[in-house]
Amino acid sequence: MSDGFPLGPPLVEGPRPDAATVERFRAIVLPHLDAAYGFARYLTRDPVQAQDLAQEAVLRALRYFHAFRGEEARPWLMRIVRNTWSDFRARKGVNDQPLDVVEDRAAEGPDPEESALASDRRRHVAAALAALPADTREILVLREIEDLSYKQIASVLDLPVGTIMSRLARAREKLAVELRGRLGRREHGLPDM
C-alpha cells in the first residue's frame, strides 16, 4: 500500500506484453497520460492520489492492452481510470469528500492583471465544479475539460448517448447555478462556501 492510492490485490494478468506490444502501447496510449491524470485529479480531488490512480490505471491498461481492439485510446484509458477509481472506492468504502483546497495557479501571460483575473475565474470555476456531486462533476470534466465527444463519454461511462446528452445539460445547469451563487455571494462581500 502506498501513501496515496492504496493498490488492491493483483489482477489476473493477460499475456505478458512483448517489445512490439509495449512500443505500440507507448505510441497509442501514453499520449493520453495527461488526460488520465487530469480525470483522476477530478475523481480523487487529491493530486497525490491522482498520480497513483493514473499510474495504476496505466498499468492496468498495459496489462489488458491485448484486449484493445483499435477503438479510440483516450476514452478507453479514461474508462480504465474510472473503473480503477470505482474499484478502489468499492473496496475501501470511500465517500465523496468535499474539496478543501482549490488549485491556485497563475495564468500564463504577459499582463499580470489579466493573469490575476484569469486565475480568479479558474479558481471560481474549480470551486464550483468541486462543489457538485461526483457524477455531475465527472460528466462535466469529460466533456468540458477533457473534450471528449458524447459518444466517447458514453463509452467511458457505459451509458447511452441520449442519457449522456441529458445528464450533461443538467450538469451544466447545476454548474451555472453554483457559479451564480458563488459570484453573487462574493459581490455582497460574503465568503464562498
Protein backbone atom coordinates (compact mmCIF):
# COMPACT_ATOMS: atom_id res chain seq x y z
CA MET A 1 0.00 0.00 0.00
CA SER A 2 1.36 3.41 -0.93
CA ASP A 3 0.80 6.64 0.98
CA GLY A 4 -1.62 7.81 -1.72
CA PHE A 5 -3.80 5.41 -3.70
CA PRO A 6 -3.92 2.04 -1.91
CA LEU A 7 -3.42 -0.63 -4.50
CA GLY A 8 -5.73 -3.59 -4.34
CA PRO A 9 -5.00 -7.25 -4.85
CA PRO A 10 -3.15 -8.11 -8.06
CA LEU A 11 -5.44 -8.52 -11.04
CA VAL A 12 -5.49 -11.61 -13.20
CA GLU A 13 -2.94 -10.69 -15.79
CA GLY A 14 -3.24 -11.10 -19.50
CA PRO A 15 -0.38 -12.31 -21.64
CA ARG A 16 2.92 -10.62 -20.85
CA PRO A 17 3.42 -7.92 -23.50
CA ASP A 18 6.33 -8.34 -25.86
CA ALA A 19 8.55 -5.45 -27.00
CA ALA A 20 6.40 -4.71 -30.07
CA THR A 21 3.24 -4.56 -27.93
CA VAL A 22 4.93 -2.25 -25.43
CA GLU A 23 6.03 0.08 -28.26
CA ARG A 24 2.51 0.05 -29.72
CA PHE A 25 1.12 0.81 -26.24
CA ARG A 26 3.54 3.72 -25.87
CA ALA A 27 2.52 5.14 -29.21
CA ILE A 28 -1.24 4.68 -28.79
CA VAL A 29 -1.98 5.09 -25.06
CA LEU A 30 0.79 7.12 -23.44
CA PRO A 31 -0.02 10.34 -25.33
CA HIS A 32 -3.21 10.37 -23.23
CA LEU A 33 -1.43 10.15 -19.88
CA ASP A 34 -2.01 13.84 -19.05
CA ALA A 35 -5.73 13.41 -19.73
CA ALA A 36 -5.79 10.33 -17.49
CA TYR A 37 -4.12 12.27 -14.69
CA GLY A 38 -6.46 15.23 -15.17
CA PHE A 39 -9.51 12.98 -14.95
CA ALA A 40 -8.02 11.18 -11.93
CA ARG A 41 -7.44 14.57 -10.28
CA TYR A 42 -11.12 15.43 -10.55
CA LEU A 43 -12.16 11.97 -9.33
CA THR A 44 -9.85 11.80 -6.32
CA ARG A 45 -9.67 15.52 -5.50
CA ASP A 46 -6.11 14.91 -4.39
CA PRO A 47 -3.01 15.36 -6.59
CA VAL A 48 -1.02 12.58 -4.91
CA GLN A 49 -3.87 10.08 -5.10
CA ALA A 50 -4.48 11.18 -8.69
CA GLN A 51 -0.89 10.32 -9.64
CA ASP A 52 -1.23 6.91 -8.01
CA LEU A 53 -4.62 6.33 -9.64
CA ALA A 54 -3.36 7.32 -13.08
CA GLN A 55 -0.31 5.11 -12.66
CA GLU A 56 -2.42 2.12 -11.58
CA ALA A 57 -4.80 2.72 -14.49
CA VAL A 58 -1.93 2.83 -17.00
CA LEU A 59 -0.54 -0.40 -15.54
CA ARG A 60 -3.98 -1.99 -15.93
CA ALA A 61 -4.20 -0.65 -19.48
CA LEU A 62 -0.86 -2.24 -20.33
CA ARG A 63 -1.89 -5.48 -18.63
CA TYR A 64 -5.05 -5.61 -20.75
CA PHE A 65 -3.73 -4.00 -23.90
CA HIS A 66 -4.17 -7.32 -25.67
CA ALA A 67 -7.95 -6.67 -25.37
CA PHE A 68 -7.68 -3.24 -27.03
CA ARG A 69 -9.37 -3.55 -30.42
CA GLY A 70 -8.22 -0.35 -32.05
CA GLU A 71 -11.05 1.80 -30.75
CA GLU A 72 -10.15 5.27 -29.60
CA ALA A 73 -7.42 5.06 -26.97
CA ARG A 74 -8.33 8.16 -24.96
CA PRO A 75 -11.86 7.11 -23.92
CA TRP A 76 -10.59 3.55 -23.43
CA LEU A 77 -7.95 4.79 -20.97
CA MET A 78 -10.43 7.14 -19.26
CA ARG A 79 -12.77 4.22 -18.68
CA ILE A 80 -9.93 2.28 -17.09
CA VAL A 81 -9.17 5.28 -14.84
CA ARG A 82 -12.83 5.46 -13.84
CA ASN A 83 -13.09 1.70 -13.25
CA THR A 84 -9.88 1.70 -11.20
CA TRP A 85 -11.27 4.50 -9.04
CA SER A 86 -14.63 2.71 -8.72
CA ASP A 87 -12.86 -0.50 -7.67
CA PHE A 88 -10.90 1.37 -5.01
CA ARG A 89 -13.99 3.17 -3.70
CA ALA A 90 -15.97 -0.06 -3.52
CA ARG A 91 -13.14 -1.88 -1.76
CA LYS A 92 -12.49 0.88 0.78
CA GLY A 93 -15.97 2.35 1.14
CA VAL A 94 -14.72 5.82 0.23
CA ASN A 95 -17.30 8.60 0.24
CA ASP A 96 -17.11 11.71 -1.87
CA GLN A 97 -15.29 14.23 0.30
CA PRO A 98 -15.50 18.00 -0.20
CA LEU A 99 -12.51 19.67 -1.76
CA ASP A 100 -10.76 21.76 0.86
CA VAL A 101 -8.14 23.40 -1.30
CA VAL A 102 -8.61 24.53 -4.88
CA GLU A 103 -5.52 24.75 -7.02
CA ASP A 104 -4.33 28.32 -7.32
CA ARG A 105 -2.12 28.58 -10.38
CA ALA A 106 -1.48 31.88 -12.07
CA ALA A 107 -2.42 32.03 -15.71
CA GLU A 108 0.38 32.25 -18.23
CA GLY A 109 0.52 35.58 -19.97
CA PRO A 110 2.42 38.82 -20.10
CA ASP A 111 -0.16 41.01 -18.32
CA PRO A 112 -0.23 40.44 -14.53
CA GLU A 113 -3.73 41.92 -14.21
CA GLU A 114 -5.11 39.61 -16.92
CA SER A 115 -3.28 36.70 -15.29
CA ALA A 116 -4.80 37.52 -11.91
CA LEU A 117 -8.31 37.80 -13.38
CA ALA A 118 -7.93 34.53 -15.28
CA SER A 119 -6.61 32.85 -12.15
CA ASP A 120 -9.58 34.19 -10.18
CA ARG A 121 -12.03 32.87 -12.80
CA ARG A 122 -10.33 29.46 -12.81
CA ARG A 123 -10.47 29.36 -9.03
CA HIS A 124 -14.21 30.12 -9.02
CA VAL A 125 -14.97 27.56 -11.72
CA ALA A 126 -12.82 24.93 -9.98
CA ALA A 127 -14.52 25.60 -6.63
CA ALA A 128 -17.99 25.46 -8.21
CA LEU A 129 -17.08 22.26 -10.04
CA ALA A 130 -15.70 20.71 -6.84
CA ALA A 131 -18.92 21.52 -5.01
CA LEU A 132 -21.01 19.45 -7.43
CA PRO A 133 -21.90 15.78 -6.84
CA ALA A 134 -19.34 13.29 -8.19
CA ASP A 135 -21.44 12.04 -11.12
CA THR A 136 -22.20 15.62 -12.22
CA ARG A 137 -18.56 16.66 -11.89
CA GLU A 138 -17.41 13.55 -13.77
CA ILE A 139 -19.51 14.17 -16.88
CA LEU A 140 -18.57 17.87 -16.98
CA VAL A 141 -14.87 17.07 -16.72
CA LEU A 142 -15.06 14.51 -19.52
CA ARG A 143 -16.87 16.92 -21.86
CA GLU A 144 -15.72 20.40 -20.98
CA ILE A 145 -12.17 19.79 -19.74
CA GLU A 146 -11.10 16.57 -21.45
CA ASP A 147 -13.12 17.50 -24.57
CA LEU A 148 -14.50 14.01 -25.21
CA SER A 149 -17.39 13.63 -27.63
CA TYR A 150 -20.80 12.43 -26.43
CA LYS A 151 -20.07 9.04 -27.98
CA GLN A 152 -16.71 8.81 -26.18
CA ILE A 153 -18.28 9.83 -22.86
CA ALA A 154 -20.97 7.19 -23.40
CA SER A 155 -18.19 4.66 -23.86
CA VAL A 156 -16.36 5.77 -20.71
CA LEU A 157 -19.49 5.82 -18.54
CA ASP A 158 -21.19 2.85 -20.23
CA LEU A 159 -24.38 4.80 -20.87
CA PRO A 160 -26.46 5.57 -23.98
CA VAL A 161 -25.59 8.77 -25.86
CA GLY A 162 -29.06 10.23 -25.18
CA THR A 163 -28.54 9.77 -21.45
CA ILE A 164 -25.17 11.50 -21.72
CA MET A 165 -26.75 14.45 -23.51
CA SER A 166 -29.50 14.90 -20.92
CA ARG A 167 -27.16 14.43 -17.95
CA LEU A 168 -24.68 16.88 -19.43
CA ALA A 169 -27.42 19.50 -19.88
CA ARG A 170 -28.47 19.08 -16.23
CA ALA A 171 -24.82 19.16 -15.10
CA ARG A 172 -24.22 22.42 -16.96
CA GLU A 173 -27.31 23.91 -15.30
CA LYS A 174 -26.07 22.82 -11.85
CA LEU A 175 -22.65 24.34 -12.53
CA ALA A 176 -24.22 27.61 -13.68
CA VAL A 177 -26.36 27.77 -10.53
CA GLU A 178 -23.33 27.03 -8.36
CA LEU A 179 -21.27 29.72 -10.12
CA ARG A 180 -24.06 32.29 -9.84
CA GLY A 181 -24.35 31.52 -6.15
CA ARG A 182 -20.61 31.88 -5.57
CA LEU A 183 -20.27 35.06 -7.61
CA GLY A 184 -23.37 36.55 -6.02
CA ARG A 185 -22.02 35.85 -2.53
CA ARG A 186 -18.72 37.45 -3.49
CA GLU A 187 -20.39 40.60 -4.86
CA HIS A 188 -22.14 41.02 -1.50
CA GLY A 189 -18.89 40.66 0.46
CA LEU A 190 -19.70 37.16 1.71
CA PRO A 191 -17.14 34.33 1.60
CA ASP A 192 -17.57 31.37 -0.74
CA MET A 193 -18.94 28.31 0.97
